[in-house]
Full PDB file with SEQRES, HELIX, SHEET, SSBOND, CRYST1, ORIGX, SCALE, CONECT and MASTER records, all heavy atoms in Angstrom:
SEQRES   1 A   32  MET GLU ASN SER ALA TYR ARG ARG ILE ALA VAL LEU ALA          
SEQRES   2 A   32  ASP THR HIS ASP LEU LEU ARG PRO GLU ALA VAL LYS VAL          
SEQRES   3 A   32  LEU ARG THR CYS GLU VAL                                      
HELIX    1 AA1 PRO A   21  LEU A   27  1                                   7    
CRYST1    1.000    1.000    1.000  90.00  90.00  90.00 P 1           1          
ORIGX1      1.000000  0.000000  0.000000        0.00000                         
ORIGX2      0.000000  1.000000  0.000000        0.00000                         
ORIGX3      0.000000  0.000000  1.000000        0.00000                         
SCALE1      1.000000  0.000000  0.000000        0.00000                         
SCALE2      0.000000  1.000000  0.000000        0.00000                         
SCALE3      0.000000  0.000000  1.000000        0.00000                         
ATOM      1  N   MET A   1       0.839  -1.216  -0.002  1.00  0.00           N  
ATOM      2  CA  MET A   1       0.045   0.001  -0.009  1.00  0.00           C  
ATOM      3  C   MET A   1       0.856   1.237  -0.016  1.00  0.00           C  
ATOM      4  O   MET A   1       0.514   2.229  -0.608  1.00  0.00           O  
ATOM      5  CB  MET A   1      -0.939  -0.004   1.187  1.00  0.00           C  
ATOM      6  CG  MET A   1      -1.912   1.139   1.206  1.00  0.00           C  
ATOM      7  SD  MET A   1      -3.173   0.905   2.470  1.00  0.00           S  
ATOM      8  CE  MET A   1      -4.228   2.301   2.156  1.00  0.00           C  
ATOM      9  N   GLU A   2       1.992   1.215   0.651  1.00  0.00           N  
ATOM     10  CA  GLU A   2       2.866   2.363   0.741  1.00  0.00           C  
ATOM     11  C   GLU A   2       3.385   2.784  -0.597  1.00  0.00           C  
ATOM     12  O   GLU A   2       3.758   3.960  -0.832  1.00  0.00           O  
ATOM     13  CB  GLU A   2       4.073   2.089   1.718  1.00  0.00           C  
ATOM     14  CG  GLU A   2       3.653   1.863   3.101  1.00  0.00           C  
ATOM     15  CD  GLU A   2       3.031   3.074   3.795  1.00  0.00           C  
ATOM     16  OE1 GLU A   2       3.286   4.203   3.298  1.00  0.00           O  
ATOM     17  OE2 GLU A   2       2.320   2.896   4.771  1.00  0.00           O  
ATOM     18  N   ASN A   3       3.442   1.834  -1.606  1.00  0.00           N  
ATOM     19  CA  ASN A   3       3.943   2.147  -2.916  1.00  0.00           C  
ATOM     20  C   ASN A   3       2.921   2.634  -3.870  1.00  0.00           C  
ATOM     21  O   ASN A   3       3.157   2.936  -4.999  1.00  0.00           O  
ATOM     22  CB  ASN A   3       4.645   0.891  -3.526  1.00  0.00           C  
ATOM     23  CG  ASN A   3       5.811   0.457  -2.680  1.00  0.00           C  
ATOM     24  OD1 ASN A   3       6.549   1.266  -2.164  1.00  0.00           O  
ATOM     25  ND2 ASN A   3       6.050  -0.843  -2.543  1.00  0.00           N  
ATOM     26  N   SER A   4       1.635   2.713  -3.436  1.00  0.00           N  
ATOM     27  CA  SER A   4       0.528   3.144  -4.265  1.00  0.00           C  
ATOM     28  C   SER A   4       0.036   4.521  -3.791  1.00  0.00           C  
ATOM     29  O   SER A   4       0.198   4.890  -2.640  1.00  0.00           O  
ATOM     30  CB  SER A   4      -0.581   2.150  -4.238  1.00  0.00           C  
ATOM     31  OG  SER A   4      -0.167   0.882  -4.616  1.00  0.00           O  
ATOM     32  N   ALA A   5      -0.587   5.256  -4.721  1.00  0.00           N  
ATOM     33  CA  ALA A   5      -1.196   6.527  -4.331  1.00  0.00           C  
ATOM     34  C   ALA A   5      -2.339   6.275  -3.391  1.00  0.00           C  
ATOM     35  O   ALA A   5      -3.103   5.381  -3.588  1.00  0.00           O  
ATOM     36  CB  ALA A   5      -1.588   7.245  -5.538  1.00  0.00           C  
ATOM     37  N   TYR A   6      -2.452   7.047  -2.363  1.00  0.00           N  
ATOM     38  CA  TYR A   6      -3.553   6.904  -1.423  1.00  0.00           C  
ATOM     39  C   TYR A   6      -3.999   8.233  -0.855  1.00  0.00           C  
ATOM     40  O   TYR A   6      -3.268   9.211  -0.878  1.00  0.00           O  
ATOM     41  CB  TYR A   6      -3.181   5.961  -0.296  1.00  0.00           C  
ATOM     42  CG  TYR A   6      -1.917   6.341   0.458  1.00  0.00           C  
ATOM     43  CD1 TYR A   6      -1.935   7.249   1.554  1.00  0.00           C  
ATOM     44  CD2 TYR A   6      -0.722   5.777   0.142  1.00  0.00           C  
ATOM     45  CE1 TYR A   6      -0.857   7.522   2.262  1.00  0.00           C  
ATOM     46  CE2 TYR A   6       0.473   6.139   0.832  1.00  0.00           C  
ATOM     47  CZ  TYR A   6       0.351   6.992   1.893  1.00  0.00           C  
ATOM     48  OH  TYR A   6       1.502   7.308   2.616  1.00  0.00           O  
ATOM     49  N   ARG A   7      -5.219   8.305  -0.374  1.00  0.00           N  
ATOM     50  CA  ARG A   7      -5.773   9.460   0.253  1.00  0.00           C  
ATOM     51  C   ARG A   7      -5.605   9.349   1.768  1.00  0.00           C  
ATOM     52  O   ARG A   7      -5.606   8.251   2.307  1.00  0.00           O  
ATOM     53  CB  ARG A   7      -7.310   9.576  -0.043  1.00  0.00           C  
ATOM     54  CG  ARG A   7      -7.696   9.226  -1.466  1.00  0.00           C  
ATOM     55  CD  ARG A   7      -7.126  10.156  -2.521  1.00  0.00           C  
ATOM     56  NE  ARG A   7      -7.794  11.471  -2.431  1.00  0.00           N  
ATOM     57  CZ  ARG A   7      -8.856  11.793  -3.190  1.00  0.00           C  
ATOM     58  NH1 ARG A   7      -9.423  10.944  -3.981  1.00  0.00           N  
ATOM     59  NH2 ARG A   7      -9.348  13.027  -3.100  1.00  0.00           N  
ATOM     60  N   ARG A   8      -5.429  10.524   2.360  1.00  0.00           N  
ATOM     61  CA  ARG A   8      -5.130  10.517   3.821  1.00  0.00           C  
ATOM     62  C   ARG A   8      -6.193  11.300   4.547  1.00  0.00           C  
ATOM     63  O   ARG A   8      -6.493  12.498   4.223  1.00  0.00           O  
ATOM     64  CB  ARG A   8      -3.753  11.127   4.063  1.00  0.00           C  
ATOM     65  CG  ARG A   8      -2.621  10.233   3.619  1.00  0.00           C  
ATOM     66  CD  ARG A   8      -1.270  10.993   3.683  1.00  0.00           C  
ATOM     67  NE  ARG A   8      -0.926  11.421   5.049  1.00  0.00           N  
ATOM     68  CZ  ARG A   8      -0.243  10.698   5.899  1.00  0.00           C  
ATOM     69  NH1 ARG A   8       0.163   9.475   5.552  1.00  0.00           N  
ATOM     70  NH2 ARG A   8       0.038  11.116   7.093  1.00  0.00           N  
ATOM     71  N   ILE A   9      -6.757  10.709   5.601  1.00  0.00           N  
ATOM     72  CA  ILE A   9      -7.761  11.335   6.478  1.00  0.00           C  
ATOM     73  C   ILE A   9      -7.205  11.345   7.882  1.00  0.00           C  
ATOM     74  O   ILE A   9      -6.860  10.287   8.423  1.00  0.00           O  
ATOM     75  CB  ILE A   9      -9.060  10.552   6.429  1.00  0.00           C  
ATOM     76  CG1 ILE A   9      -9.594  10.463   5.012  1.00  0.00           C  
ATOM     77  CG2 ILE A   9     -10.103  11.218   7.349  1.00  0.00           C  
ATOM     78  CD1 ILE A   9     -10.789   9.506   4.865  1.00  0.00           C  
ATOM     79  N   ALA A  10      -7.155  12.507   8.483  1.00  0.00           N  
ATOM     80  CA  ALA A  10      -6.685  12.649   9.899  1.00  0.00           C  
ATOM     81  C   ALA A  10      -7.844  12.365  10.817  1.00  0.00           C  
ATOM     82  O   ALA A  10      -8.948  12.845  10.631  1.00  0.00           O  
ATOM     83  CB  ALA A  10      -6.081  14.005  10.130  1.00  0.00           C  
ATOM     84  N   VAL A  11      -7.552  11.613  11.891  1.00  0.00           N  
ATOM     85  CA  VAL A  11      -8.571  11.363  12.924  1.00  0.00           C  
ATOM     86  C   VAL A  11      -7.959  11.748  14.265  1.00  0.00           C  
ATOM     87  O   VAL A  11      -6.915  11.217  14.680  1.00  0.00           O  
ATOM     88  CB  VAL A  11      -9.007   9.886  12.924  1.00  0.00           C  
ATOM     89  CG1 VAL A  11     -10.117   9.655  13.922  1.00  0.00           C  
ATOM     90  CG2 VAL A  11      -9.344   9.374  11.545  1.00  0.00           C  
ATOM     91  N   LEU A  12      -8.633  12.662  14.954  1.00  0.00           N  
ATOM     92  CA  LEU A  12      -8.145  13.058  16.256  1.00  0.00           C  
ATOM     93  C   LEU A  12      -9.350  13.367  17.189  1.00  0.00           C  
ATOM     94  O   LEU A  12     -10.458  13.489  16.665  1.00  0.00           O  
ATOM     95  CB  LEU A  12      -7.234  14.299  16.176  1.00  0.00           C  
ATOM     96  CG  LEU A  12      -7.798  15.654  15.851  1.00  0.00           C  
ATOM     97  CD1 LEU A  12      -6.771  16.730  16.124  1.00  0.00           C  
ATOM     98  CD2 LEU A  12      -8.230  15.749  14.394  1.00  0.00           C  
ATOM     99  N   ALA A  13      -9.077  13.563  18.452  1.00  0.00           N  
ATOM    100  CA  ALA A  13     -10.104  13.808  19.438  1.00  0.00           C  
ATOM    101  C   ALA A  13      -9.539  14.313  20.704  1.00  0.00           C  
ATOM    102  O   ALA A  13      -8.361  14.313  20.931  1.00  0.00           O  
ATOM    103  CB  ALA A  13     -10.930  12.536  19.690  1.00  0.00           C  
ATOM    104  N   ASP A  14     -10.426  14.823  21.565  1.00  0.00           N  
ATOM    105  CA  ASP A  14     -10.047  15.250  22.933  1.00  0.00           C  
ATOM    106  C   ASP A  14      -8.838  16.173  22.893  1.00  0.00           C  
ATOM    107  O   ASP A  14      -7.897  16.004  23.695  1.00  0.00           O  
ATOM    108  CB  ASP A  14      -9.826  14.044  23.822  1.00  0.00           C  
ATOM    109  CG  ASP A  14     -11.111  13.280  24.086  1.00  0.00           C  
ATOM    110  OD1 ASP A  14     -11.948  13.801  24.831  1.00  0.00           O  
ATOM    111  OD2 ASP A  14     -11.258  12.169  23.555  1.00  0.00           O  
ATOM    112  N   THR A  15      -8.903  17.217  22.002  1.00  0.00           N  
ATOM    113  CA  THR A  15      -7.820  18.168  21.963  1.00  0.00           C  
ATOM    114  C   THR A  15      -7.892  19.148  23.110  1.00  0.00           C  
ATOM    115  O   THR A  15      -6.864  19.699  23.509  1.00  0.00           O  
ATOM    116  CB  THR A  15      -7.874  18.986  20.630  1.00  0.00           C  
ATOM    117  OG1 THR A  15      -9.182  19.346  20.347  1.00  0.00           O  
ATOM    118  CG2 THR A  15      -7.354  18.135  19.498  1.00  0.00           C  
ATOM    119  N   HIS A  16      -9.063  19.336  23.709  1.00  0.00           N  
ATOM    120  CA  HIS A  16      -9.234  20.127  24.944  1.00  0.00           C  
ATOM    121  C   HIS A  16      -8.460  21.448  24.860  1.00  0.00           C  
ATOM    122  O   HIS A  16      -7.652  21.735  25.735  1.00  0.00           O  
ATOM    123  CB  HIS A  16      -8.825  19.293  26.164  1.00  0.00           C  
ATOM    124  CG  HIS A  16      -9.766  18.225  26.484  1.00  0.00           C  
ATOM    125  ND1 HIS A  16     -10.944  18.443  27.187  1.00  0.00           N  
ATOM    126  CD2 HIS A  16      -9.698  16.882  26.231  1.00  0.00           C  
ATOM    127  CE1 HIS A  16     -11.602  17.267  27.304  1.00  0.00           C  
ATOM    128  NE2 HIS A  16     -10.886  16.273  26.771  1.00  0.00           N  
ATOM    129  N   ASP A  17      -8.763  22.188  23.824  1.00  0.00           N  
ATOM    130  CA  ASP A  17      -8.169  23.552  23.714  1.00  0.00           C  
ATOM    131  C   ASP A  17      -6.672  23.613  23.469  1.00  0.00           C  
ATOM    132  O   ASP A  17      -6.029  24.590  23.692  1.00  0.00           O  
ATOM    133  CB  ASP A  17      -8.532  24.398  24.917  1.00  0.00           C  
ATOM    134  CG  ASP A  17      -8.576  25.918  24.583  1.00  0.00           C  
ATOM    135  OD1 ASP A  17      -8.777  26.205  23.401  1.00  0.00           O  
ATOM    136  OD2 ASP A  17      -8.447  26.735  25.495  1.00  0.00           O  
ATOM    137  N   LEU A  18      -6.125  22.466  22.989  1.00  0.00           N  
ATOM    138  CA  LEU A  18      -4.693  22.435  22.650  1.00  0.00           C  
ATOM    139  C   LEU A  18      -4.465  21.713  21.350  1.00  0.00           C  
ATOM    140  O   LEU A  18      -4.794  20.523  21.183  1.00  0.00           O  
ATOM    141  CB  LEU A  18      -3.902  21.677  23.748  1.00  0.00           C  
ATOM    142  CG  LEU A  18      -2.402  21.457  23.481  1.00  0.00           C  
ATOM    143  CD1 LEU A  18      -1.647  22.772  23.388  1.00  0.00           C  
ATOM    144  CD2 LEU A  18      -1.808  20.562  24.545  1.00  0.00           C  
ATOM    145  N   LEU A  19      -3.907  22.449  20.376  1.00  0.00           N  
ATOM    146  CA  LEU A  19      -3.551  21.874  19.082  1.00  0.00           C  
ATOM    147  C   LEU A  19      -2.035  21.909  19.023  1.00  0.00           C  
ATOM    148  O   LEU A  19      -1.406  22.947  18.750  1.00  0.00           O  
ATOM    149  CB  LEU A  19      -4.179  22.683  17.966  1.00  0.00           C  
ATOM    150  CG  LEU A  19      -4.173  22.001  16.577  1.00  0.00           C  
ATOM    151  CD1 LEU A  19      -4.758  20.606  16.596  1.00  0.00           C  
ATOM    152  CD2 LEU A  19      -4.877  22.867  15.524  1.00  0.00           C  
ATOM    153  N   ARG A  20      -1.473  20.766  19.211  1.00  0.00           N  
ATOM    154  CA  ARG A  20      -0.013  20.643  19.255  1.00  0.00           C  
ATOM    155  C   ARG A  20       0.659  20.915  17.854  1.00  0.00           C  
ATOM    156  O   ARG A  20       0.110  20.389  16.858  1.00  0.00           O  
ATOM    157  CB  ARG A  20       0.436  19.293  19.728  1.00  0.00           C  
ATOM    158  CG  ARG A  20       0.029  18.989  21.176  1.00  0.00           C  
ATOM    159  CD  ARG A  20       0.294  17.511  21.535  1.00  0.00           C  
ATOM    160  NE  ARG A  20      -0.089  17.242  22.886  1.00  0.00           N  
ATOM    161  CZ  ARG A  20       0.641  17.406  23.946  1.00  0.00           C  
ATOM    162  NH1 ARG A  20       1.895  17.869  23.803  1.00  0.00           N  
ATOM    163  NH2 ARG A  20       0.246  17.117  25.174  1.00  0.00           N  
ATOM    164  N   PRO A  21       1.781  21.560  17.756  1.00  0.00           N  
ATOM    165  CA  PRO A  21       2.429  21.767  16.487  1.00  0.00           C  
ATOM    166  C   PRO A  21       2.754  20.463  15.781  1.00  0.00           C  
ATOM    167  O   PRO A  21       2.644  20.384  14.560  1.00  0.00           O  
ATOM    168  CB  PRO A  21       3.755  22.481  16.902  1.00  0.00           C  
ATOM    169  CG  PRO A  21       3.399  23.200  18.138  1.00  0.00           C  
ATOM    170  CD  PRO A  21       2.462  22.281  18.862  1.00  0.00           C  
ATOM    171  N   GLU A  22       3.123  19.391  16.524  1.00  0.00           N  
ATOM    172  CA  GLU A  22       3.408  18.144  15.863  1.00  0.00           C  
ATOM    173  C   GLU A  22       2.175  17.474  15.333  1.00  0.00           C  
ATOM    174  O   GLU A  22       2.216  16.772  14.292  1.00  0.00           O  
ATOM    175  CB  GLU A  22       4.106  17.239  16.878  1.00  0.00           C  
ATOM    176  CG  GLU A  22       3.310  17.009  18.159  1.00  0.00           C  
ATOM    177  CD  GLU A  22       4.176  16.600  19.298  1.00  0.00           C  
ATOM    178  OE1 GLU A  22       4.876  15.540  19.191  1.00  0.00           O  
ATOM    179  OE2 GLU A  22       4.192  17.289  20.345  1.00  0.00           O  
ATOM    180  N   ALA A  23       1.008  17.771  15.915  1.00  0.00           N  
ATOM    181  CA  ALA A  23      -0.277  17.267  15.376  1.00  0.00           C  
ATOM    182  C   ALA A  23      -0.612  18.050  14.093  1.00  0.00           C  
ATOM    183  O   ALA A  23      -1.041  17.481  13.090  1.00  0.00           O  
ATOM    184  CB  ALA A  23      -1.394  17.451  16.381  1.00  0.00           C  
ATOM    185  N   VAL A  24      -0.372  19.347  14.125  1.00  0.00           N  
ATOM    186  CA  VAL A  24      -0.616  20.173  12.937  1.00  0.00           C  
ATOM    187  C   VAL A  24       0.204  19.662  11.736  1.00  0.00           C  
ATOM    188  O   VAL A  24      -0.227  19.655  10.604  1.00  0.00           O  
ATOM    189  CB  VAL A  24      -0.328  21.681  13.232  1.00  0.00           C  
ATOM    190  CG1 VAL A  24      -0.364  22.482  11.933  1.00  0.00           C  
ATOM    191  CG2 VAL A  24      -1.292  22.221  14.257  1.00  0.00           C  
ATOM    192  N   LYS A  25       1.426  19.294  12.008  1.00  0.00           N  
ATOM    193  CA  LYS A  25       2.333  18.789  10.964  1.00  0.00           C  
ATOM    194  C   LYS A  25       1.710  17.584  10.264  1.00  0.00           C  
ATOM    195  O   LYS A  25       1.768  17.451   9.048  1.00  0.00           O  
ATOM    196  CB  LYS A  25       3.679  18.423  11.554  1.00  0.00           C  
ATOM    197  CG  LYS A  25       4.713  18.031  10.514  1.00  0.00           C  
ATOM    198  CD  LYS A  25       6.057  17.803  11.186  1.00  0.00           C  
ATOM    199  CE  LYS A  25       7.102  17.415  10.119  1.00  0.00           C  
ATOM    200  NZ  LYS A  25       8.441  17.160  10.785  1.00  0.00           N  
ATOM    201  N   VAL A  26       1.075  16.672  11.080  1.00  0.00           N  
ATOM    202  CA  VAL A  26       0.439  15.497  10.514  1.00  0.00           C  
ATOM    203  C   VAL A  26      -0.797  15.914   9.758  1.00  0.00           C  
ATOM    204  O   VAL A  26      -1.104  15.437   8.646  1.00  0.00           O  
ATOM    205  CB  VAL A  26       0.101  14.465  11.611  1.00  0.00           C  
ATOM    206  CG1 VAL A  26      -0.717  13.290  11.050  1.00  0.00           C  
ATOM    207  CG2 VAL A  26       1.332  14.000  12.336  1.00  0.00           C  
ATOM    208  N   LEU A  27      -1.581  16.853  10.371  1.00  0.00           N  
ATOM    209  CA  LEU A  27      -2.844  17.314   9.706  1.00  0.00           C  
ATOM    210  C   LEU A  27      -2.611  17.855   8.308  1.00  0.00           C  
ATOM    211  O   LEU A  27      -3.452  17.685   7.467  1.00  0.00           O  
ATOM    212  CB  LEU A  27      -3.514  18.331  10.620  1.00  0.00           C  
ATOM    213  CG  LEU A  27      -4.028  17.861  11.987  1.00  0.00           C  
ATOM    214  CD1 LEU A  27      -4.507  19.047  12.811  1.00  0.00           C  
ATOM    215  CD2 LEU A  27      -5.129  16.845  11.839  1.00  0.00           C  
ATOM    216  N   ARG A  28      -1.487  18.537   8.174  1.00  0.00           N  
ATOM    217  CA  ARG A  28      -1.175  19.180   6.876  1.00  0.00           C  
ATOM    218  C   ARG A  28      -0.873  18.216   5.798  1.00  0.00           C  
ATOM    219  O   ARG A  28      -0.810  18.544   4.621  1.00  0.00           O  
ATOM    220  CB  ARG A  28      -0.053  20.178   7.049  1.00  0.00           C  
ATOM    221  CG  ARG A  28      -0.461  21.428   7.926  1.00  0.00           C  
ATOM    222  CD  ARG A  28       0.551  22.546   7.824  1.00  0.00           C  
ATOM    223  NE  ARG A  28       0.249  23.630   8.716  1.00  0.00           N  
ATOM    224  CZ  ARG A  28      -0.729  24.534   8.521  1.00  0.00           C  
ATOM    225  NH1 ARG A  28      -1.454  24.442   7.369  1.00  0.00           N  
ATOM    226  NH2 ARG A  28      -0.970  25.497   9.406  1.00  0.00           N  
ATOM    227  N   THR A  29      -0.679  16.911   6.148  1.00  0.00           N  
ATOM    228  CA  THR A  29      -0.458  15.867   5.120  1.00  0.00           C  
ATOM    229  C   THR A  29      -1.762  15.213   4.738  1.00  0.00           C  
ATOM    230  O   THR A  29      -1.739  14.286   3.889  1.00  0.00           O  
ATOM    231  CB  THR A  29       0.507  14.798   5.652  1.00  0.00           C  
ATOM    232  OG1 THR A  29      -0.114  14.030   6.674  1.00  0.00           O  
ATOM    233  CG2 THR A  29       1.783  15.399   6.179  1.00  0.00           C  
ATOM    234  N   CYS A  30      -2.854  15.650   5.337  1.00  0.00           N  
ATOM    235  CA  CYS A  30      -4.197  15.003   5.097  1.00  0.00           C  
ATOM    236  C   CYS A  30      -5.106  15.988   4.387  1.00  0.00           C  
ATOM    237  O   CYS A  30      -4.990  17.153   4.495  1.00  0.00           O  
ATOM    238  CB  CYS A  30      -4.796  14.567   6.412  1.00  0.00           C  
ATOM    239  SG  CYS A  30      -3.733  13.366   7.314  1.00  0.00           S  
ATOM    240  N   GLU A  31      -6.087  15.432   3.684  1.00  0.00           N  
ATOM    241  CA  GLU A  31      -7.020  16.295   2.962  1.00  0.00           C  
ATOM    242  C   GLU A  31      -8.368  16.377   3.607  1.00  0.00           C  
ATOM    243  O   GLU A  31      -9.215  17.196   3.195  1.00  0.00           O  
ATOM    244  CB  GLU A  31      -7.190  15.770   1.525  1.00  0.00           C  
ATOM    245  CG  GLU A  31      -7.558  14.304   1.409  1.00  0.00           C  
ATOM    246  CD  GLU A  31      -7.448  13.835  -0.066  1.00  0.00           C  
ATOM    247  OE1 GLU A  31      -8.171  14.384  -0.941  1.00  0.00           O  
ATOM    248  OE2 GLU A  31      -6.652  12.940  -0.302  1.00  0.00           O  
ATOM    249  N   VAL A  32      -8.614  15.624   4.664  1.00  0.00           N  
ATOM    250  CA  VAL A  32      -9.821  15.704   5.462  1.00  0.00           C  
ATOM    251  C   VAL A  32      -9.486  15.468   6.914  1.00  0.00           C  
ATOM    252  O   VAL A  32      -8.562  14.703   7.223  1.00  0.00           O  
ATOM    253  CB  VAL A  32     -10.916  14.706   5.029  1.00  0.00           C  
ATOM    254  CG1 VAL A  32     -12.209  14.852   5.842  1.00  0.00           C  
ATOM    255  CG2 VAL A  32     -11.216  14.818   3.519  1.00  0.00           C  
TER     256      VAL A  32                                                      
MASTER        0    0    0    1    0    0    0    6  255    1    0    3          
END                                                                             
């Protein structure tokens, strides 16, 4: 699967008013 084109969806929860920079970095690789 890693060698094929794929769509990326980020799934997160319970951020409780904190969006970590490292989480943002992952989110920016996703389209939803």
